[in-house]
Protein backbone atom coordinates (compact mmCIF):
# COMPACT_ATOMS: atom_id res chain seq x y z
CA UNK A 1 0.00 0.00 0.00
CA UNK A 2 1.32 3.47 -0.89
CA UNK A 3 1.89 5.95 1.94
CA UNK A 4 2.75 9.62 1.84
CA UNK A 5 3.17 10.72 5.44
CA UNK A 6 5.54 13.39 6.71
CA UNK A 7 6.35 14.35 10.29
CA UNK A 8 8.37 17.51 10.90
CA UNK A 9 9.60 18.88 14.20
CA UNK A 10 11.38 22.21 13.93
CA UNK A 11 11.07 25.95 14.31
CA UNK A 12 8.40 28.05 12.62
CA UNK A 13 10.61 30.43 10.62
CA UNK A 14 8.26 33.43 10.51
CA UNK A 15 4.62 34.43 10.72
CA UNK A 16 2.64 32.41 8.12
CA UNK A 17 1.34 34.24 5.06
CA UNK A 18 -2.15 33.90 3.59
CA UNK A 19 -3.41 34.62 0.10
CA UNK A 20 -6.70 34.13 -1.64
CA UNK A 21 -6.76 31.77 -4.60
CA UNK A 22 -8.90 32.24 -7.74
CA UNK A 23 -11.04 29.33 -6.50
CA UNK A 24 -11.96 31.32 -3.39
CA UNK A 25 -9.87 29.10 -1.10
CA UNK A 26 -7.27 30.63 1.20
CA UNK A 27 -3.73 29.28 0.95
CA UNK A 28 -1.54 29.58 4.05
CA UNK A 29 2.22 29.21 3.58
CA UNK A 30 5.13 29.02 6.02
CA UNK A 31 8.54 27.42 6.46
CA UNK A 32 9.89 25.08 9.12
CA UNK A 33 13.58 25.06 10.02
CA UNK A 34 14.70 21.50 10.82
CA UNK A 35 18.21 20.84 12.12
CA UNK A 36 20.01 17.82 10.70
CA UNK A 37 21.70 15.26 12.90
CA UNK A 38 25.36 15.96 13.50
CA UNK A 39 27.66 13.99 11.27
CA UNK A 40 31.34 13.12 11.21
CA UNK A 41 33.58 15.93 10.06
CA UNK A 42 30.92 18.61 10.35
CA UNK A 43 31.98 21.61 12.40
CA UNK A 44 28.47 23.01 12.44
CA UNK A 45 25.04 21.51 12.28
CA UNK A 46 23.31 22.29 8.97
CA UNK A 47 19.56 22.60 8.68
CA UNK A 48 16.83 22.22 6.10
CA UNK A 49 14.20 24.87 5.46
CA UNK A 50 11.01 23.08 4.46
CA UNK A 51 8.21 24.97 2.68
CA UNK A 52 4.74 24.10 4.00
CA UNK A 53 1.18 24.90 2.93
CA UNK A 54 -2.41 24.30 3.96
CA UNK A 55 -5.86 25.03 2.63
CA UNK A 56 -7.44 23.84 5.91
CA UNK A 57 -8.81 26.78 7.95
CA UNK A 58 -8.36 24.85 11.23
CA UNK A 59 -4.64 24.35 10.54
CA UNK A 60 -4.34 28.03 9.54
CA UNK A 61 -6.03 29.08 12.81
CA UNK A 62 -3.68 26.84 14.82
CA UNK A 63 -0.69 28.45 13.07
CA UNK A 64 -2.01 31.96 13.74
CA UNK A 65 -1.81 31.23 17.48
CA UNK A 66 1.89 30.20 17.28
CA UNK A 67 4.67 32.78 17.43
CA UNK A 68 7.56 32.79 14.98
CA UNK A 69 10.64 30.81 16.12
CA UNK A 70 8.46 28.47 18.22
CA UNK A 71 9.16 24.74 18.01
CA UNK A 72 6.29 22.95 16.28
CA UNK A 73 5.38 19.41 15.34
CA UNK A 74 3.34 18.89 12.21
CA UNK A 75 2.06 16.05 10.10
CA UNK A 76 1.14 16.07 6.45
CA UNK A 77 2.01 14.82 2.99
CA UNK A 78 4.79 15.68 0.56
CA UNK A 79 3.43 17.35 -2.56
CA UNK A 80 5.12 18.14 -5.86
CA UNK A 81 3.76 20.99 -7.93
CA UNK A 82 4.71 22.06 -11.43
CA UNK A 83 4.73 25.74 -12.43
CA UNK A 84 5.58 27.67 -15.58
CA UNK A 85 5.08 27.51 -19.34
CA UNK A 86 5.89 24.50 -21.49
CA UNK A 87 9.63 24.14 -21.95
CA UNK A 88 10.38 26.03 -18.74
CA UNK A 89 8.63 23.97 -16.07
CA UNK A 90 9.76 24.31 -12.47
CA UNK A 91 9.16 21.56 -9.92
CA UNK A 92 8.51 22.57 -6.35
CA UNK A 93 8.15 20.32 -3.33
CA UNK A 94 6.28 21.29 -0.17
CA UNK A 95 4.55 19.65 2.76
CA UNK A 96 0.77 20.01 2.82
CA UNK A 97 -0.07 20.05 6.53
CA UNK A 98 -2.86 18.11 8.24
CA UNK A 99 -1.95 18.99 11.84
CA UNK A 100 0.23 21.63 13.48
CA UNK A 101 0.90 22.15 17.19
CA UNK A 102 3.54 23.84 19.32
CA UNK A 103 5.99 21.51 21.03
CA UNK A 104 6.21 21.75 24.82
CA UNK A 105 9.89 22.41 25.45
CA UNK A 106 9.71 21.95 29.21
CA UNK A 107 12.02 19.03 29.90
CA UNK A 108 10.10 16.61 32.09
CA UNK A 109 12.61 13.80 31.78
CA UNK A 110 15.91 13.33 29.97
CA UNK A 111 15.39 12.79 26.28
CA UNK A 112 16.62 9.45 24.96
CA UNK A 113 19.70 9.31 22.79
CA UNK A 114 18.83 9.37 19.08
CA UNK A 115 19.30 6.00 17.39
CA UNK A 116 22.66 5.42 15.74
CA UNK A 117 23.06 4.91 11.99
CA UNK A 118 22.54 1.16 12.34
CA UNK A 119 19.43 1.60 14.51
CA UNK A 120 16.69 3.40 12.56
CA UNK A 121 13.94 4.93 14.65
CA UNK A 122 10.61 3.17 14.46
CA UNK A 123 8.04 5.41 12.75
CA UNK A 124 5.21 6.70 14.88
CA UNK A 125 1.69 6.44 13.55
CA UNK A 126 -0.03 9.60 12.36
CA UNK A 127 -2.86 8.96 14.83
CA UNK A 128 -0.31 8.89 17.70
CA UNK A 129 1.20 12.18 16.52
CA UNK A 130 -2.20 13.81 16.09
CA UNK A 131 -3.35 12.61 19.49
CA UNK A 132 -6.20 10.57 18.05
CA UNK A 133 -7.28 7.72 20.35
C-alpha atoms as a PDB file:
ATOM      1  CA  UNK A   1       0.000   0.000   0.000  1.00  0.00           C
ATOM      2  CA  UNK A   2       1.315   3.473  -0.889  1.00  0.00           C
ATOM      3  CA  UNK A   3       1.894   5.946   1.937  1.00  0.00           C
ATOM      4  CA  UNK A   4       2.748   9.617   1.838  1.00  0.00           C
ATOM      5  CA  UNK A   5       3.168  10.720   5.441  1.00  0.00           C
ATOM      6  CA  UNK A   6       5.536  13.394   6.706  1.00  0.00           C
ATOM      7  CA  UNK A   7       6.349  14.353  10.295  1.00  0.00           C
ATOM      8  CA  UNK A   8       8.366  17.514  10.901  1.00  0.00           C
ATOM      9  CA  UNK A   9       9.597  18.879  14.200  1.00  0.00           C
ATOM     10  CA  UNK A  10      11.382  22.205  13.933  1.00  0.00           C
ATOM     11  CA  UNK A  11      11.070  25.952  14.308  1.00  0.00           C
ATOM     12  CA  UNK A  12       8.401  28.051  12.618  1.00  0.00           C
ATOM     13  CA  UNK A  13      10.610  30.427  10.615  1.00  0.00           C
ATOM     14  CA  UNK A  14       8.258  33.435  10.506  1.00  0.00           C
ATOM     15  CA  UNK A  15       4.616  34.426  10.721  1.00  0.00           C
ATOM     16  CA  UNK A  16       2.644  32.411   8.123  1.00  0.00           C
ATOM     17  CA  UNK A  17       1.339  34.237   5.056  1.00  0.00           C
ATOM     18  CA  UNK A  18      -2.153  33.900   3.593  1.00  0.00           C
ATOM     19  CA  UNK A  19      -3.410  34.620   0.102  1.00  0.00           C
ATOM     20  CA  UNK A  20      -6.701  34.128  -1.643  1.00  0.00           C
ATOM     21  CA  UNK A  21      -6.760  31.771  -4.596  1.00  0.00           C
ATOM     22  CA  UNK A  22      -8.899  32.237  -7.744  1.00  0.00           C
ATOM     23  CA  UNK A  23     -11.038  29.326  -6.499  1.00  0.00           C
ATOM     24  CA  UNK A  24     -11.962  31.318  -3.386  1.00  0.00           C
ATOM     25  CA  UNK A  25      -9.871  29.098  -1.099  1.00  0.00           C
ATOM     26  CA  UNK A  26      -7.271  30.633   1.202  1.00  0.00           C
ATOM     27  CA  UNK A  27      -3.727  29.282   0.955  1.00  0.00           C
ATOM     28  CA  UNK A  28      -1.541  29.584   4.055  1.00  0.00           C
ATOM     29  CA  UNK A  29       2.224  29.208   3.584  1.00  0.00           C
ATOM     30  CA  UNK A  30       5.129  29.018   6.020  1.00  0.00           C
ATOM     31  CA  UNK A  31       8.538  27.418   6.459  1.00  0.00           C
ATOM     32  CA  UNK A  32       9.890  25.079   9.117  1.00  0.00           C
ATOM     33  CA  UNK A  33      13.584  25.060  10.024  1.00  0.00           C
ATOM     34  CA  UNK A  34      14.700  21.505  10.823  1.00  0.00           C
ATOM     35  CA  UNK A  35      18.210  20.837  12.122  1.00  0.00           C
ATOM     36  CA  UNK A  36      20.006  17.820  10.695  1.00  0.00           C
ATOM     37  CA  UNK A  37      21.697  15.265  12.897  1.00  0.00           C
ATOM     38  CA  UNK A  38      25.356  15.960  13.504  1.00  0.00           C
ATOM     39  CA  UNK A  39      27.665  13.994  11.271  1.00  0.00           C
ATOM     40  CA  UNK A  40      31.345  13.121  11.214  1.00  0.00           C
ATOM     41  CA  UNK A  41      33.584  15.926  10.056  1.00  0.00           C
ATOM     42  CA  UNK A  42      30.920  18.615  10.354  1.00  0.00           C
ATOM     43  CA  UNK A  43      31.984  21.610  12.405  1.00  0.00           C
ATOM     44  CA  UNK A  44      28.473  23.011  12.441  1.00  0.00           C
ATOM     45  CA  UNK A  45      25.037  21.507  12.282  1.00  0.00           C
ATOM     46  CA  UNK A  46      23.307  22.290   8.972  1.00  0.00           C
ATOM     47  CA  UNK A  47      19.562  22.597   8.681  1.00  0.00           C
ATOM     48  CA  UNK A  48      16.829  22.225   6.103  1.00  0.00           C
ATOM     49  CA  UNK A  49      14.200  24.874   5.459  1.00  0.00           C
ATOM     50  CA  UNK A  50      11.014  23.085   4.455  1.00  0.00           C
ATOM     51  CA  UNK A  51       8.212  24.972   2.682  1.00  0.00           C
ATOM     52  CA  UNK A  52       4.743  24.102   4.002  1.00  0.00           C
ATOM     53  CA  UNK A  53       1.177  24.897   2.927  1.00  0.00           C
ATOM     54  CA  UNK A  54      -2.405  24.304   3.962  1.00  0.00           C
ATOM     55  CA  UNK A  55      -5.862  25.029   2.629  1.00  0.00           C
ATOM     56  CA  UNK A  56      -7.436  23.842   5.906  1.00  0.00           C
ATOM     57  CA  UNK A  57      -8.809  26.782   7.949  1.00  0.00           C
ATOM     58  CA  UNK A  58      -8.357  24.853  11.230  1.00  0.00           C
ATOM     59  CA  UNK A  59      -4.645  24.352  10.544  1.00  0.00           C
ATOM     60  CA  UNK A  60      -4.340  28.026   9.538  1.00  0.00           C
ATOM     61  CA  UNK A  61      -6.029  29.079  12.807  1.00  0.00           C
ATOM     62  CA  UNK A  62      -3.675  26.845  14.816  1.00  0.00           C
ATOM     63  CA  UNK A  63      -0.690  28.454  13.065  1.00  0.00           C
ATOM     64  CA  UNK A  64      -2.008  31.959  13.736  1.00  0.00           C
ATOM     65  CA  UNK A  65      -1.809  31.233  17.476  1.00  0.00           C
ATOM     66  CA  UNK A  66       1.886  30.203  17.277  1.00  0.00           C
ATOM     67  CA  UNK A  67       4.665  32.781  17.427  1.00  0.00           C
ATOM     68  CA  UNK A  68       7.563  32.794  14.978  1.00  0.00           C
ATOM     69  CA  UNK A  69      10.643  30.809  16.119  1.00  0.00           C
ATOM     70  CA  UNK A  70       8.459  28.473  18.221  1.00  0.00           C
ATOM     71  CA  UNK A  71       9.161  24.739  18.010  1.00  0.00           C
ATOM     72  CA  UNK A  72       6.292  22.950  16.285  1.00  0.00           C
ATOM     73  CA  UNK A  73       5.383  19.409  15.338  1.00  0.00           C
ATOM     74  CA  UNK A  74       3.343  18.886  12.210  1.00  0.00           C
ATOM     75  CA  UNK A  75       2.065  16.051  10.097  1.00  0.00           C
ATOM     76  CA  UNK A  76       1.141  16.072   6.449  1.00  0.00           C
ATOM     77  CA  UNK A  77       2.007  14.817   2.989  1.00  0.00           C
ATOM     78  CA  UNK A  78       4.793  15.679   0.559  1.00  0.00           C
ATOM     79  CA  UNK A  79       3.429  17.350  -2.562  1.00  0.00           C
ATOM     80  CA  UNK A  80       5.115  18.138  -5.862  1.00  0.00           C
ATOM     81  CA  UNK A  81       3.763  20.989  -7.928  1.00  0.00           C
ATOM     82  CA  UNK A  82       4.706  22.062 -11.434  1.00  0.00           C
ATOM     83  CA  UNK A  83       4.727  25.737 -12.435  1.00  0.00           C
ATOM     84  CA  UNK A  84       5.580  27.667 -15.575  1.00  0.00           C
ATOM     85  CA  UNK A  85       5.080  27.515 -19.335  1.00  0.00           C
ATOM     86  CA  UNK A  86       5.890  24.496 -21.494  1.00  0.00           C
ATOM     87  CA  UNK A  87       9.627  24.139 -21.951  1.00  0.00           C
ATOM     88  CA  UNK A  88      10.385  26.033 -18.736  1.00  0.00           C
ATOM     89  CA  UNK A  89       8.628  23.972 -16.074  1.00  0.00           C
ATOM     90  CA  UNK A  90       9.763  24.315 -12.474  1.00  0.00           C
ATOM     91  CA  UNK A  91       9.158  21.557  -9.922  1.00  0.00           C
ATOM     92  CA  UNK A  92       8.509  22.567  -6.353  1.00  0.00           C
ATOM     93  CA  UNK A  93       8.154  20.322  -3.327  1.00  0.00           C
ATOM     94  CA  UNK A  94       6.279  21.291  -0.173  1.00  0.00           C
ATOM     95  CA  UNK A  95       4.548  19.650   2.758  1.00  0.00           C
ATOM     96  CA  UNK A  96       0.766  20.014   2.824  1.00  0.00           C
ATOM     97  CA  UNK A  97      -0.068  20.050   6.535  1.00  0.00           C
ATOM     98  CA  UNK A  98      -2.865  18.115   8.241  1.00  0.00           C
ATOM     99  CA  UNK A  99      -1.952  18.991  11.840  1.00  0.00           C
ATOM    100  CA  UNK A 100       0.231  21.629  13.479  1.00  0.00           C
ATOM    101  CA  UNK A 101       0.896  22.152  17.188  1.00  0.00           C
ATOM    102  CA  UNK A 102       3.541  23.841  19.319  1.00  0.00           C
ATOM    103  CA  UNK A 103       5.990  21.508  21.034  1.00  0.00           C
ATOM    104  CA  UNK A 104       6.211  21.748  24.816  1.00  0.00           C
ATOM    105  CA  UNK A 105       9.888  22.409  25.455  1.00  0.00           C
ATOM    106  CA  UNK A 106       9.710  21.954  29.213  1.00  0.00           C
ATOM    107  CA  UNK A 107      12.024  19.029  29.902  1.00  0.00           C
ATOM    108  CA  UNK A 108      10.095  16.608  32.087  1.00  0.00           C
ATOM    109  CA  UNK A 109      12.611  13.805  31.780  1.00  0.00           C
ATOM    110  CA  UNK A 110      15.912  13.327  29.971  1.00  0.00           C
ATOM    111  CA  UNK A 111      15.394  12.787  26.283  1.00  0.00           C
ATOM    112  CA  UNK A 112      16.621   9.448  24.958  1.00  0.00           C
ATOM    113  CA  UNK A 113      19.695   9.308  22.786  1.00  0.00           C
ATOM    114  CA  UNK A 114      18.835   9.366  19.083  1.00  0.00           C
ATOM    115  CA  UNK A 115      19.304   5.998  17.386  1.00  0.00           C
ATOM    116  CA  UNK A 116      22.657   5.418  15.738  1.00  0.00           C
ATOM    117  CA  UNK A 117      23.055   4.908  11.988  1.00  0.00           C
ATOM    118  CA  UNK A 118      22.538   1.160  12.337  1.00  0.00           C
ATOM    119  CA  UNK A 119      19.432   1.605  14.510  1.00  0.00           C
ATOM    120  CA  UNK A 120      16.690   3.400  12.557  1.00  0.00           C
ATOM    121  CA  UNK A 121      13.942   4.925  14.650  1.00  0.00           C
ATOM    122  CA  UNK A 122      10.610   3.171  14.455  1.00  0.00           C
ATOM    123  CA  UNK A 123       8.044   5.414  12.747  1.00  0.00           C
ATOM    124  CA  UNK A 124       5.208   6.705  14.883  1.00  0.00           C
ATOM    125  CA  UNK A 125       1.694   6.438  13.555  1.00  0.00           C
ATOM    126  CA  UNK A 126      -0.026   9.599  12.365  1.00  0.00           C
ATOM    127  CA  UNK A 127      -2.859   8.961  14.828  1.00  0.00           C
ATOM    128  CA  UNK A 128      -0.307   8.894  17.696  1.00  0.00           C
ATOM    129  CA  UNK A 129       1.200  12.181  16.521  1.00  0.00           C
ATOM    130  CA  UNK A 130      -2.199  13.810  16.092  1.00  0.00           C
ATOM    131  CA  UNK A 131      -3.354  12.611  19.488  1.00  0.00           C
ATOM    132  CA  UNK A 132      -6.204  10.575  18.053  1.00  0.00           C
ATOM    133  CA  UNK A 133      -7.275   7.715  20.353  1.00  0.00           C
END
